[in-house]
Amino acid sequence: AVTRTVASNLKGAALGIRDGLQHDPKNDPVDVNKSSSEALRTL
């Protein structure tokens, strides 16, 4: 049971690392109250 939990957590961590390495700023949230005109125009 512990091994399954650790394996699941490791898989989640690995996916998070992959996502972090493949970060695409085009998918970042844009705040309609604070973002600049340039940031809004990326939408």
All heavy atoms as atom14 arrays in JSON, in Angstrom:
{
  "sequence": "AVTRTVASNLKGAALGIRDGLQHDPKNDPVDVNKSSSEALRTL",
  "atom14_mask": [
    [1, 1, 1, 1, 1, 0, 0, 0, 0, 0, 0, 0, 0, 0],
    [1, 1, 1, 1, 1, 1, 1, 0, 0, 0, 0, 0, 0, 0],
    [1, 1, 1, 1, 1, 1, 1, 0, 0, 0, 0, 0, 0, 0],
    [1, 1, 1, 1, 1, 1, 1, 1, 1, 1, 1, 0, 0, 0],
    [1, 1, 1, 1, 1, 1, 1, 0, 0, 0, 0, 0, 0, 0],
    [1, 1, 1, 1, 1, 1, 1, 0, 0, 0, 0, 0, 0, 0],
    [1, 1, 1, 1, 1, 0, 0, 0, 0, 0, 0, 0, 0, 0],
    [1, 1, 1, 1, 1, 1, 0, 0, 0, 0, 0, 0, 0, 0],
    [1, 1, 1, 1, 1, 1, 1, 1, 0, 0, 0, 0, 0, 0],
    [1, 1, 1, 1, 1, 1, 1, 1, 0, 0, 0, 0, 0, 0],
    [1, 1, 1, 1, 1, 1, 1, 1, 1, 0, 0, 0, 0, 0],
    [1, 1, 1, 1, 0, 0, 0, 0, 0, 0, 0, 0, 0, 0],
    [1, 1, 1, 1, 1, 0, 0, 0, 0, 0, 0, 0, 0, 0],
    [1, 1, 1, 1, 1, 0, 0, 0, 0, 0, 0, 0, 0, 0],
    [1, 1, 1, 1, 1, 1, 1, 1, 0, 0, 0, 0, 0, 0],
    [1, 1, 1, 1, 0, 0, 0, 0, 0, 0, 0, 0, 0, 0],
    [1, 1, 1, 1, 1, 1, 1, 1, 0, 0, 0, 0, 0, 0],
    [1, 1, 1, 1, 1, 1, 1, 1, 1, 1, 1, 0, 0, 0],
    [1, 1, 1, 1, 1, 1, 1, 1, 0, 0, 0, 0, 0, 0],
    [1, 1, 1, 1, 0, 0, 0, 0, 0, 0, 0, 0, 0, 0],
    [1, 1, 1, 1, 1, 1, 1, 1, 0, 0, 0, 0, 0, 0],
    [1, 1, 1, 1, 1, 1, 1, 1, 1, 0, 0, 0, 0, 0],
    [1, 1, 1, 1, 1, 1, 1, 1, 1, 1, 0, 0, 0, 0],
    [1, 1, 1, 1, 1, 1, 1, 1, 0, 0, 0, 0, 0, 0],
    [1, 1, 1, 1, 1, 1, 1, 0, 0, 0, 0, 0, 0, 0],
    [1, 1, 1, 1, 1, 1, 1, 1, 1, 0, 0, 0, 0, 0],
    [1, 1, 1, 1, 1, 1, 1, 1, 0, 0, 0, 0, 0, 0],
    [1, 1, 1, 1, 1, 1, 1, 1, 0, 0, 0, 0, 0, 0],
    [1, 1, 1, 1, 1, 1, 1, 0, 0, 0, 0, 0, 0, 0],
    [1, 1, 1, 1, 1, 1, 1, 0, 0, 0, 0, 0, 0, 0],
    [1, 1, 1, 1, 1, 1, 1, 1, 0, 0, 0, 0, 0, 0],
    [1, 1, 1, 1, 1, 1, 1, 0, 0, 0, 0, 0, 0, 0],
    [1, 1, 1, 1, 1, 1, 1, 1, 0, 0, 0, 0, 0, 0],
    [1, 1, 1, 1, 1, 1, 1, 1, 1, 0, 0, 0, 0, 0],
    [1, 1, 1, 1, 1, 1, 0, 0, 0, 0, 0, 0, 0, 0],
    [1, 1, 1, 1, 1, 1, 0, 0, 0, 0, 0, 0, 0, 0],
    [1, 1, 1, 1, 1, 1, 0, 0, 0, 0, 0, 0, 0, 0],
    [1, 1, 1, 1, 1, 1, 1, 1, 1, 0, 0, 0, 0, 0],
    [1, 1, 1, 1, 1, 0, 0, 0, 0, 0, 0, 0, 0, 0],
    [1, 1, 1, 1, 1, 1, 1, 1, 0, 0, 0, 0, 0, 0],
    [1, 1, 1, 1, 1, 1, 1, 1, 1, 1, 1, 0, 0, 0],
    [1, 1, 1, 1, 1, 1, 1, 0, 0, 0, 0, 0, 0, 0],
    [1, 1, 1, 1, 1, 1, 1, 1, 0, 0, 0, 0, 0, 0]
  ],
  "atom14_positions": [
    [[0.83, -1.21, 0.0], [0.0, 0.0, 0.0], [0.87, 1.26, 0.0], [0.61, 2.21, -0.74], [-0.94, 0.0, 1.2], [0.0, 0.0, 0.0], [0.0, 0.0, 0.0], [0.0, 0.0, 0.0], [0.0, 0.0, 0.0], [0.0, 0.0, 0.0], [0.0, 0.0, 0.0], [0.0, 0.0, 0.0], [0.0, 0.0, 0.0], [0.0, 0.0, 0.0]],
    [[1.9, 1.26, 0.83], [2.81, 2.41, 0.89], [3.53, 2.57, -0.45], [3.69, 3.68, -0.95], [3.81, 2.26, 2.06], [4.9, 3.3, 1.98], [3.08, 2.34, 3.39], [0.0, 0.0, 0.0], [0.0, 0.0, 0.0], [0.0, 0.0, 0.0], [0.0, 0.0, 0.0], [0.0, 0.0, 0.0], [0.0, 0.0, 0.0], [0.0, 0.0, 0.0]],
    [[3.95, 1.47, -1.03], [4.65, 1.52, -2.32], [3.74, 2.12, -3.4], [4.19, 2.93, -4.21], [5.13, 0.11, -2.74], [5.99, -0.37, -1.71], [5.86, 0.14, -4.05], [0.0, 0.0, 0.0], [0.0, 0.0, 0.0], [0.0, 0.0, 0.0], [0.0, 0.0, 0.0], [0.0, 0.0, 0.0], [0.0, 0.0, 0.0], [0.0, 0.0, 0.0]],
    [[2.46, 1.73, -3.4], [1.52, 2.3, -4.38], [1.38, 3.8, -4.19], [1.36, 4.56, -5.16], [0.16, 1.61, -4.27], [0.09, 0.25, -4.92], [-1.34, -0.27, -5.01], [-1.95, -0.49, -3.7], [-1.81, -1.61, -2.99], [-1.1, -2.61, -3.46], [-2.4, -1.73, -1.83], [0.0, 0.0, 0.0], [0.0, 0.0, 0.0], [0.0, 0.0, 0.0]],
    [[1.3, 4.23, -2.95], [1.17, 5.66, -2.67], [2.42, 6.41, -3.12], [2.32, 7.45, -3.78], [0.93, 5.89, -1.17], [-0.26, 5.2, -0.78], [0.79, 7.36, -0.85], [0.0, 0.0, 0.0], [0.0, 0.0, 0.0], [0.0, 0.0, 0.0], [0.0, 0.0, 0.0], [0.0, 0.0, 0.0], [0.0, 0.0, 0.0], [0.0, 0.0, 0.0]],
    [[3.58, 5.88, -2.79], [4.83, 6.53, -3.18], [4.94, 6.57, -4.71], [5.31, 7.59, -5.28], [6.04, 5.82, -2.54], [7.35, 6.31, -3.14], [6.04, 6.02, -1.04], [0.0, 0.0, 0.0], [0.0, 0.0, 0.0], [0.0, 0.0, 0.0], [0.0, 0.0, 0.0], [0.0, 0.0, 0.0], [0.0, 0.0, 0.0], [0.0, 0.0, 0.0]],
    [[4.59, 5.47, -5.36], [4.68, 5.42, -6.82], [3.74, 6.45, -7.45], [4.11, 7.14, -8.41], [4.33, 4.02, -7.32], [0.0, 0.0, 0.0], [0.0, 0.0, 0.0], [0.0, 0.0, 0.0], [0.0, 0.0, 0.0], [0.0, 0.0, 0.0], [0.0, 0.0, 0.0], [0.0, 0.0, 0.0], [0.0, 0.0, 0.0], [0.0, 0.0, 0.0]],
    [[2.55, 6.6, -6.9], [1.59, 7.58, -7.41], [2.13, 8.99, -7.21], [2.05, 9.83, -8.11], [0.25, 7.42, -6.69], [-0.63, 8.43, -7.08], [0.0, 0.0, 0.0], [0.0, 0.0, 0.0], [0.0, 0.0, 0.0], [0.0, 0.0, 0.0], [0.0, 0.0, 0.0], [0.0, 0.0, 0.0], [0.0, 0.0, 0.0], [0.0, 0.0, 0.0]],
    [[2.69, 9.27, -6.04], [3.26, 10.59, -5.78], [4.44, 10.87, -6.68], [4.62, 11.99, -7.16], [3.66, 10.71, -4.31], [2.47, 10.76, -3.38], [1.34, 11.01, -3.81], [2.7, 10.5, -2.11], [0.0, 0.0, 0.0], [0.0, 0.0, 0.0], [0.0, 0.0, 0.0], [0.0, 0.0, 0.0], [0.0, 0.0, 0.0], [0.0, 0.0, 0.0]],
    [[5.27, 9.85, -6.92], [6.41, 10.04, -7.8], [5.96, 10.32, -9.23], [6.54, 11.15, -9.92], [7.33, 8.81, -7.77], [8.19, 8.67, -6.52], [8.94, 7.34, -6.54], [9.15, 9.82, -6.39], [0.0, 0.0, 0.0], [0.0, 0.0, 0.0], [0.0, 0.0, 0.0], [0.0, 0.0, 0.0], [0.0, 0.0, 0.0], [0.0, 0.0, 0.0]],
    [[4.9, 9.62, -9.65], [4.39, 9.86, -11.0], [3.87, 11.3, -11.11], [4.15, 11.99, -12.08], [3.27, 8.88, -11.33], [2.73, 9.04, -12.72], [1.68, 8.01, -13.04], [1.17, 8.2, -14.46], [0.11, 7.23, -14.78], [0.0, 0.0, 0.0], [0.0, 0.0, 0.0], [0.0, 0.0, 0.0], [0.0, 0.0, 0.0], [0.0, 0.0, 0.0]],
    [[3.14, 11.75, -10.09], [2.65, 13.13, -10.08], [3.79, 14.14, -10.09], [3.75, 15.14, -10.8], [0.0, 0.0, 0.0], [0.0, 0.0, 0.0], [0.0, 0.0, 0.0], [0.0, 0.0, 0.0], [0.0, 0.0, 0.0], [0.0, 0.0, 0.0], [0.0, 0.0, 0.0], [0.0, 0.0, 0.0], [0.0, 0.0, 0.0], [0.0, 0.0, 0.0]],
    [[4.83, 13.86, -9.31], [5.99, 14.75, -9.27], [6.68, 14.78, -10.63], [7.09, 15.85, -11.11], [6.96, 14.31, -8.18], [0.0, 0.0, 0.0], [0.0, 0.0, 0.0], [0.0, 0.0, 0.0], [0.0, 0.0, 0.0], [0.0, 0.0, 0.0], [0.0, 0.0, 0.0], [0.0, 0.0, 0.0], [0.0, 0.0, 0.0], [0.0, 0.0, 0.0]],
    [[6.82, 13.62, -11.25], [7.47, 13.57, -12.56], [6.67, 14.36, -13.6], [7.24, 15.08, -14.41], [7.62, 12.11, -13.0], [0.0, 0.0, 0.0], [0.0, 0.0, 0.0], [0.0, 0.0, 0.0], [0.0, 0.0, 0.0], [0.0, 0.0, 0.0], [0.0, 0.0, 0.0], [0.0, 0.0, 0.0], [0.0, 0.0, 0.0], [0.0, 0.0, 0.0]],
    [[5.34, 14.23, -13.56], [4.52, 14.99, -14.49], [4.64, 16.49, -14.23], [4.68, 17.3, -15.17], [3.05, 14.55, -14.39], [2.76, 13.14, -14.89], [1.33, 12.75, -14.56], [3.01, 13.03, -16.38], [0.0, 0.0, 0.0], [0.0, 0.0, 0.0], [0.0, 0.0, 0.0], [0.0, 0.0, 0.0], [0.0, 0.0, 0.0], [0.0, 0.0, 0.0]],
    [[4.72, 16.87, -12.95], [4.9, 18.28, -12.62], [6.24, 18.81, -13.1], [6.32, 19.94, -13.6], [0.0, 0.0, 0.0], [0.0, 0.0, 0.0], [0.0, 0.0, 0.0], [0.0, 0.0, 0.0], [0.0, 0.0, 0.0], [0.0, 0.0, 0.0], [0.0, 0.0, 0.0], [0.0, 0.0, 0.0], [0.0, 0.0, 0.0], [0.0, 0.0, 0.0]],
    [[7.28, 18.01, -12.97], [8.6, 18.41, -13.47], [8.55, 18.59, -14.98], [9.04, 19.58, -15.52], [9.68, 17.38, -13.06], [9.9, 17.45, -11.54], [10.98, 17.62, -13.81], [10.72, 16.31, -10.99], [0.0, 0.0, 0.0], [0.0, 0.0, 0.0], [0.0, 0.0, 0.0], [0.0, 0.0, 0.0], [0.0, 0.0, 0.0], [0.0, 0.0, 0.0]],
    [[7.93, 17.63, -15.65], [7.81, 17.74, -17.11], [7.06, 19.01, -17.51], [7.48, 19.76, -18.38], [7.08, 16.52, -17.68], [7.03, 16.56, -19.22], [5.99, 15.66, -19.8], [4.68, 16.17, -19.41], [3.57, 15.47, -19.41], [3.6, 14.21, -19.77], [2.44, 16.0, -19.05], [0.0, 0.0, 0.0], [0.0, 0.0, 0.0], [0.0, 0.0, 0.0]],
    [[5.94, 19.28, -16.82], [5.16, 20.47, -17.14], [5.98, 21.74, -16.88], [5.89, 22.7, -17.65], [3.88, 20.51, -16.32], [2.89, 19.43, -16.71], [3.09, 18.77, -17.76], [1.92, 19.22, -15.95], [0.0, 0.0, 0.0], [0.0, 0.0, 0.0], [0.0, 0.0, 0.0], [0.0, 0.0, 0.0], [0.0, 0.0, 0.0], [0.0, 0.0, 0.0]],
    [[6.75, 21.72, -15.8], [7.58, 22.88, -15.49], [8.65, 23.12, -16.54], [8.93, 24.25, -16.91], [0.0, 0.0, 0.0], [0.0, 0.0, 0.0], [0.0, 0.0, 0.0], [0.0, 0.0, 0.0], [0.0, 0.0, 0.0], [0.0, 0.0, 0.0], [0.0, 0.0, 0.0], [0.0, 0.0, 0.0], [0.0, 0.0, 0.0], [0.0, 0.0, 0.0]],
    [[9.23, 22.05, -17.03], [10.26, 22.18, -18.06], [9.67, 22.6, -19.4], [10.34, 23.23, -20.2], [11.03, 20.86, -18.2], [11.9, 20.48, -17.0], [12.47, 19.08, -17.19], [13.0, 21.49, -16.78], [0.0, 0.0, 0.0], [0.0, 0.0, 0.0], [0.0, 0.0, 0.0], [0.0, 0.0, 0.0], [0.0, 0.0, 0.0], [0.0, 0.0, 0.0]],
    [[8.42, 22.23, -19.62], [7.76, 22.58, -20.88], [6.86, 23.8, -20.73], [5.95, 24.0, -21.49], [6.93, 21.39, -21.38], [7.73, 20.18, -21.72], [6.85, 18.99, -22.1], [5.65, 18.99, -21.89], [7.46, 17.97, -22.65], [0.0, 0.0, 0.0], [0.0, 0.0, 0.0], [0.0, 0.0, 0.0], [0.0, 0.0, 0.0], [0.0, 0.0, 0.0]],
    [[7.11, 24.63, -19.72], [6.27, 25.79, -19.43], [6.12, 26.66, -20.66], [7.09, 27.02, -21.33], [6.87, 26.61, -18.28], [6.14, 27.87, -18.03], [4.92, 27.88, -17.41], [6.43, 29.14, -18.33], [4.49, 29.12, -17.33], [5.4, 29.91, -17.88], [0.0, 0.0, 0.0], [0.0, 0.0, 0.0], [0.0, 0.0, 0.0], [0.0, 0.0, 0.0]],
    [[4.88, 26.99, -20.95], [4.57, 27.86, -22.07], [3.86, 29.1, -21.53], [2.71, 29.01, -21.09], [3.68, 27.13, -23.07], [3.4, 27.94, -24.32], [3.87, 29.08, -24.43], [2.67, 27.43, -25.19], [0.0, 0.0, 0.0], [0.0, 0.0, 0.0], [0.0, 0.0, 0.0], [0.0, 0.0, 0.0], [0.0, 0.0, 0.0], [0.0, 0.0, 0.0]],
    [[4.51, 30.26, -21.55], [3.89, 31.46, -21.0], [2.58, 31.83, -21.7], [1.78, 32.56, -21.16], [4.94, 32.55, -21.18], [6.09, 31.95, -21.87], [5.85, 30.49, -22.05], [0.0, 0.0, 0.0], [0.0, 0.0, 0.0], [0.0, 0.0, 0.0], [0.0, 0.0, 0.0], [0.0, 0.0, 0.0], [0.0, 0.0, 0.0], [0.0, 0.0, 0.0]],
    [[2.37, 31.28, -22.88], [1.12, 31.56, -23.59], [-0.08, 30.95, -22.88], [-1.22, 31.28, -23.19], [1.19, 31.01, -25.02], [2.17, 31.72, -25.9], [2.2, 31.09, -27.27], [3.34, 31.64, -28.08], [3.49, 30.92, -29.35], [0.0, 0.0, 0.0], [0.0, 0.0, 0.0], [0.0, 0.0, 0.0], [0.0, 0.0, 0.0], [0.0, 0.0, 0.0]],
    [[0.16, 30.05, -21.92], [-0.93, 29.42, -21.17], [-1.1, 30.01, -19.78], [-1.94, 29.55, -19.02], [-0.7, 27.91, -21.08], [-0.78, 27.26, -22.43], [-1.55, 27.65, -23.29], [0.05, 26.25, -22.64], [0.0, 0.0, 0.0], [0.0, 0.0, 0.0], [0.0, 0.0, 0.0], [0.0, 0.0, 0.0], [0.0, 0.0, 0.0], [0.0, 0.0, 0.0]],
    [[-0.27, 30.99, -19.42], [-0.38, 31.6, -18.09], [-1.69, 32.38, -17.98], [-2.18, 32.95, -18.96], [0.78, 32.57, -17.85], [2.08, 31.86, -17.58], [2.06, 30.63, -17.34], [3.13, 32.53, -17.61], [0.0, 0.0, 0.0], [0.0, 0.0, 0.0], [0.0, 0.0, 0.0], [0.0, 0.0, 0.0], [0.0, 0.0, 0.0], [0.0, 0.0, 0.0]],
    [[-2.25, 32.44, -16.76], [-3.46, 33.24, -16.58], [-3.18, 34.73, -16.78], [-2.09, 35.21, -16.5], [-3.88, 32.95, -15.14], [-2.82, 32.16, -14.52], [-1.83, 31.76, -15.56], [0.0, 0.0, 0.0], [0.0, 0.0, 0.0], [0.0, 0.0, 0.0], [0.0, 0.0, 0.0], [0.0, 0.0, 0.0], [0.0, 0.0, 0.0], [0.0, 0.0, 0.0]],
    [[-4.19, 35.42, -17.25], [-4.09, 36.86, -17.48], [-5.12, 37.53, -16.58], [-6.31, 37.21, -16.65], [-4.33, 37.21, -18.96], [-4.34, 38.71, -19.18], [-3.27, 36.55, -19.84], [0.0, 0.0, 0.0], [0.0, 0.0, 0.0], [0.0, 0.0, 0.0], [0.0, 0.0, 0.0], [0.0, 0.0, 0.0], [0.0, 0.0, 0.0], [0.0, 0.0, 0.0]],
    [[-4.66, 38.45, -15.73], [-5.56, 39.15, -14.81], [-6.14, 40.36, -15.52], [-5.41, 41.28, -15.91], [-4.78, 39.58, -13.57], [-5.68, 40.09, -12.47], [-6.75, 40.67, -12.78], [-5.32, 39.92, -11.3], [0.0, 0.0, 0.0], [0.0, 0.0, 0.0], [0.0, 0.0, 0.0], [0.0, 0.0, 0.0], [0.0, 0.0, 0.0], [0.0, 0.0, 0.0]],
    [[-7.47, 40.38, -15.67], [-8.12, 41.48, -16.39], [-8.02, 42.8, -15.62], [-8.23, 43.86, -16.21], [-9.6, 41.15, -16.72], [-9.68, 40.0, -17.71], [-10.39, 40.85, -15.46], [0.0, 0.0, 0.0], [0.0, 0.0, 0.0], [0.0, 0.0, 0.0], [0.0, 0.0, 0.0], [0.0, 0.0, 0.0], [0.0, 0.0, 0.0], [0.0, 0.0, 0.0]],
    [[-7.71, 42.75, -14.34], [-7.6, 43.97, -13.53], [-6.18, 44.52, -13.43], [-6.0, 45.66, -13.04], [-8.14, 43.72, -12.12], [-9.64, 43.61, -12.12], [-10.33, 44.37, -12.77], [-10.15, 42.66, -11.37], [0.0, 0.0, 0.0], [0.0, 0.0, 0.0], [0.0, 0.0, 0.0], [0.0, 0.0, 0.0], [0.0, 0.0, 0.0], [0.0, 0.0, 0.0]],
    [[-5.18, 43.71, -13.75], [-3.8, 44.15, -13.52], [-2.89, 44.06, -14.74], [-1.84, 44.68, -14.77], [-3.18, 43.31, -12.4], [-3.87, 43.48, -11.07], [-3.28, 42.56, -10.03], [-4.03, 42.64, -8.72], [-3.57, 41.65, -7.76], [0.0, 0.0, 0.0], [0.0, 0.0, 0.0], [0.0, 0.0, 0.0], [0.0, 0.0, 0.0], [0.0, 0.0, 0.0]],
    [[-3.26, 43.26, -15.73], [-2.35, 43.0, -16.85], [-2.19, 44.21, -17.76], [-3.11, 45.01, -17.94], [-2.87, 41.82, -17.68], [-2.83, 40.65, -16.9], [0.0, 0.0, 0.0], [0.0, 0.0, 0.0], [0.0, 0.0, 0.0], [0.0, 0.0, 0.0], [0.0, 0.0, 0.0], [0.0, 0.0, 0.0], [0.0, 0.0, 0.0], [0.0, 0.0, 0.0]],
    [[-1.02, 44.28, -18.34], [-0.72, 45.37, -19.29], [-1.43, 45.11, -20.61], [-1.92, 44.01, -20.87], [0.79, 45.43, -19.53], [1.2, 44.24, -20.22], [0.0, 0.0, 0.0], [0.0, 0.0, 0.0], [0.0, 0.0, 0.0], [0.0, 0.0, 0.0], [0.0, 0.0, 0.0], [0.0, 0.0, 0.0], [0.0, 0.0, 0.0], [0.0, 0.0, 0.0]],
    [[-1.43, 46.14, -21.44], [-2.02, 46.01, -22.77], [-1.31, 44.91, -23.56], [-1.95, 44.12, -24.25], [-1.91, 47.34, -23.51], [-2.4, 47.22, -24.81], [0.0, 0.0, 0.0], [0.0, 0.0, 0.0], [0.0, 0.0, 0.0], [0.0, 0.0, 0.0], [0.0, 0.0, 0.0], [0.0, 0.0, 0.0], [0.0, 0.0, 0.0], [0.0, 0.0, 0.0]],
    [[0.01, 44.83, -23.42], [0.79, 43.81, -24.13], [0.38, 42.41, -23.7], [0.22, 41.51, -24.53], [2.29, 44.01, -23.91], [2.87, 45.27, -24.53], [2.58, 46.54, -23.72], [2.35, 46.44, -22.48], [2.57, 47.62, -24.32], [0.0, 0.0, 0.0], [0.0, 0.0, 0.0], [0.0, 0.0, 0.0], [0.0, 0.0, 0.0], [0.0, 0.0, 0.0]],
    [[0.2, 42.23, -22.4], [-0.2, 40.92, -21.89], [-1.61, 40.56, -22.37], [-1.87, 39.41, -22.76], [-0.14, 40.89, -20.37], [0.0, 0.0, 0.0], [0.0, 0.0, 0.0], [0.0, 0.0, 0.0], [0.0, 0.0, 0.0], [0.0, 0.0, 0.0], [0.0, 0.0, 0.0], [0.0, 0.0, 0.0], [0.0, 0.0, 0.0], [0.0, 0.0, 0.0]],
    [[-2.5, 41.52, -22.37], [-3.87, 41.26, -22.83], [-3.88, 40.91, -24.32], [-4.65, 40.06, -24.76], [-4.76, 42.47, -22.56], [-5.05, 42.75, -21.09], [-5.65, 44.14, -20.92], [-5.97, 41.69, -20.52], [0.0, 0.0, 0.0], [0.0, 0.0, 0.0], [0.0, 0.0, 0.0], [0.0, 0.0, 0.0], [0.0, 0.0, 0.0], [0.0, 0.0, 0.0]],
    [[-3.0, 41.54, -25.09], [-2.96, 41.27, -26.53], [-2.36, 39.91, -26.87], [-2.45, 39.46, -28.01], [-2.21, 42.38, -27.26], [-3.1, 43.62, -27.4], [-2.46, 44.71, -28.22], [-1.46, 45.38, -27.38], [-0.28, 45.78, -27.81], [0.08, 45.61, -29.05], [0.56, 46.38, -26.98], [0.0, 0.0, 0.0], [0.0, 0.0, 0.0], [0.0, 0.0, 0.0]],
    [[-1.77, 39.21, -25.88], [-1.3, 37.85, -26.15], [-2.46, 36.87, -26.22], [-2.29, 35.74, -26.67], [-0.31, 37.36, -25.07], [-0.98, 37.26, -23.82], [0.9, 38.28, -24.97], [0.0, 0.0, 0.0], [0.0, 0.0, 0.0], [0.0, 0.0, 0.0], [0.0, 0.0, 0.0], [0.0, 0.0, 0.0], [0.0, 0.0, 0.0], [0.0, 0.0, 0.0]],
    [[-3.63, 37.3, -25.75], [-4.82, 36.44, -25.79], [-5.36, 36.38, -27.22], [-5.43, 37.41, -27.91], [-5.9, 36.98, -24.85], [-5.52, 37.02, -23.37], [-6.51, 37.86, -22.59], [-5.45, 35.61, -22.82], [0.0, 0.0, 0.0], [0.0, 0.0, 0.0], [0.0, 0.0, 0.0], [0.0, 0.0, 0.0], [0.0, 0.0, 0.0], [0.0, 0.0, 0.0]]
  ]
}
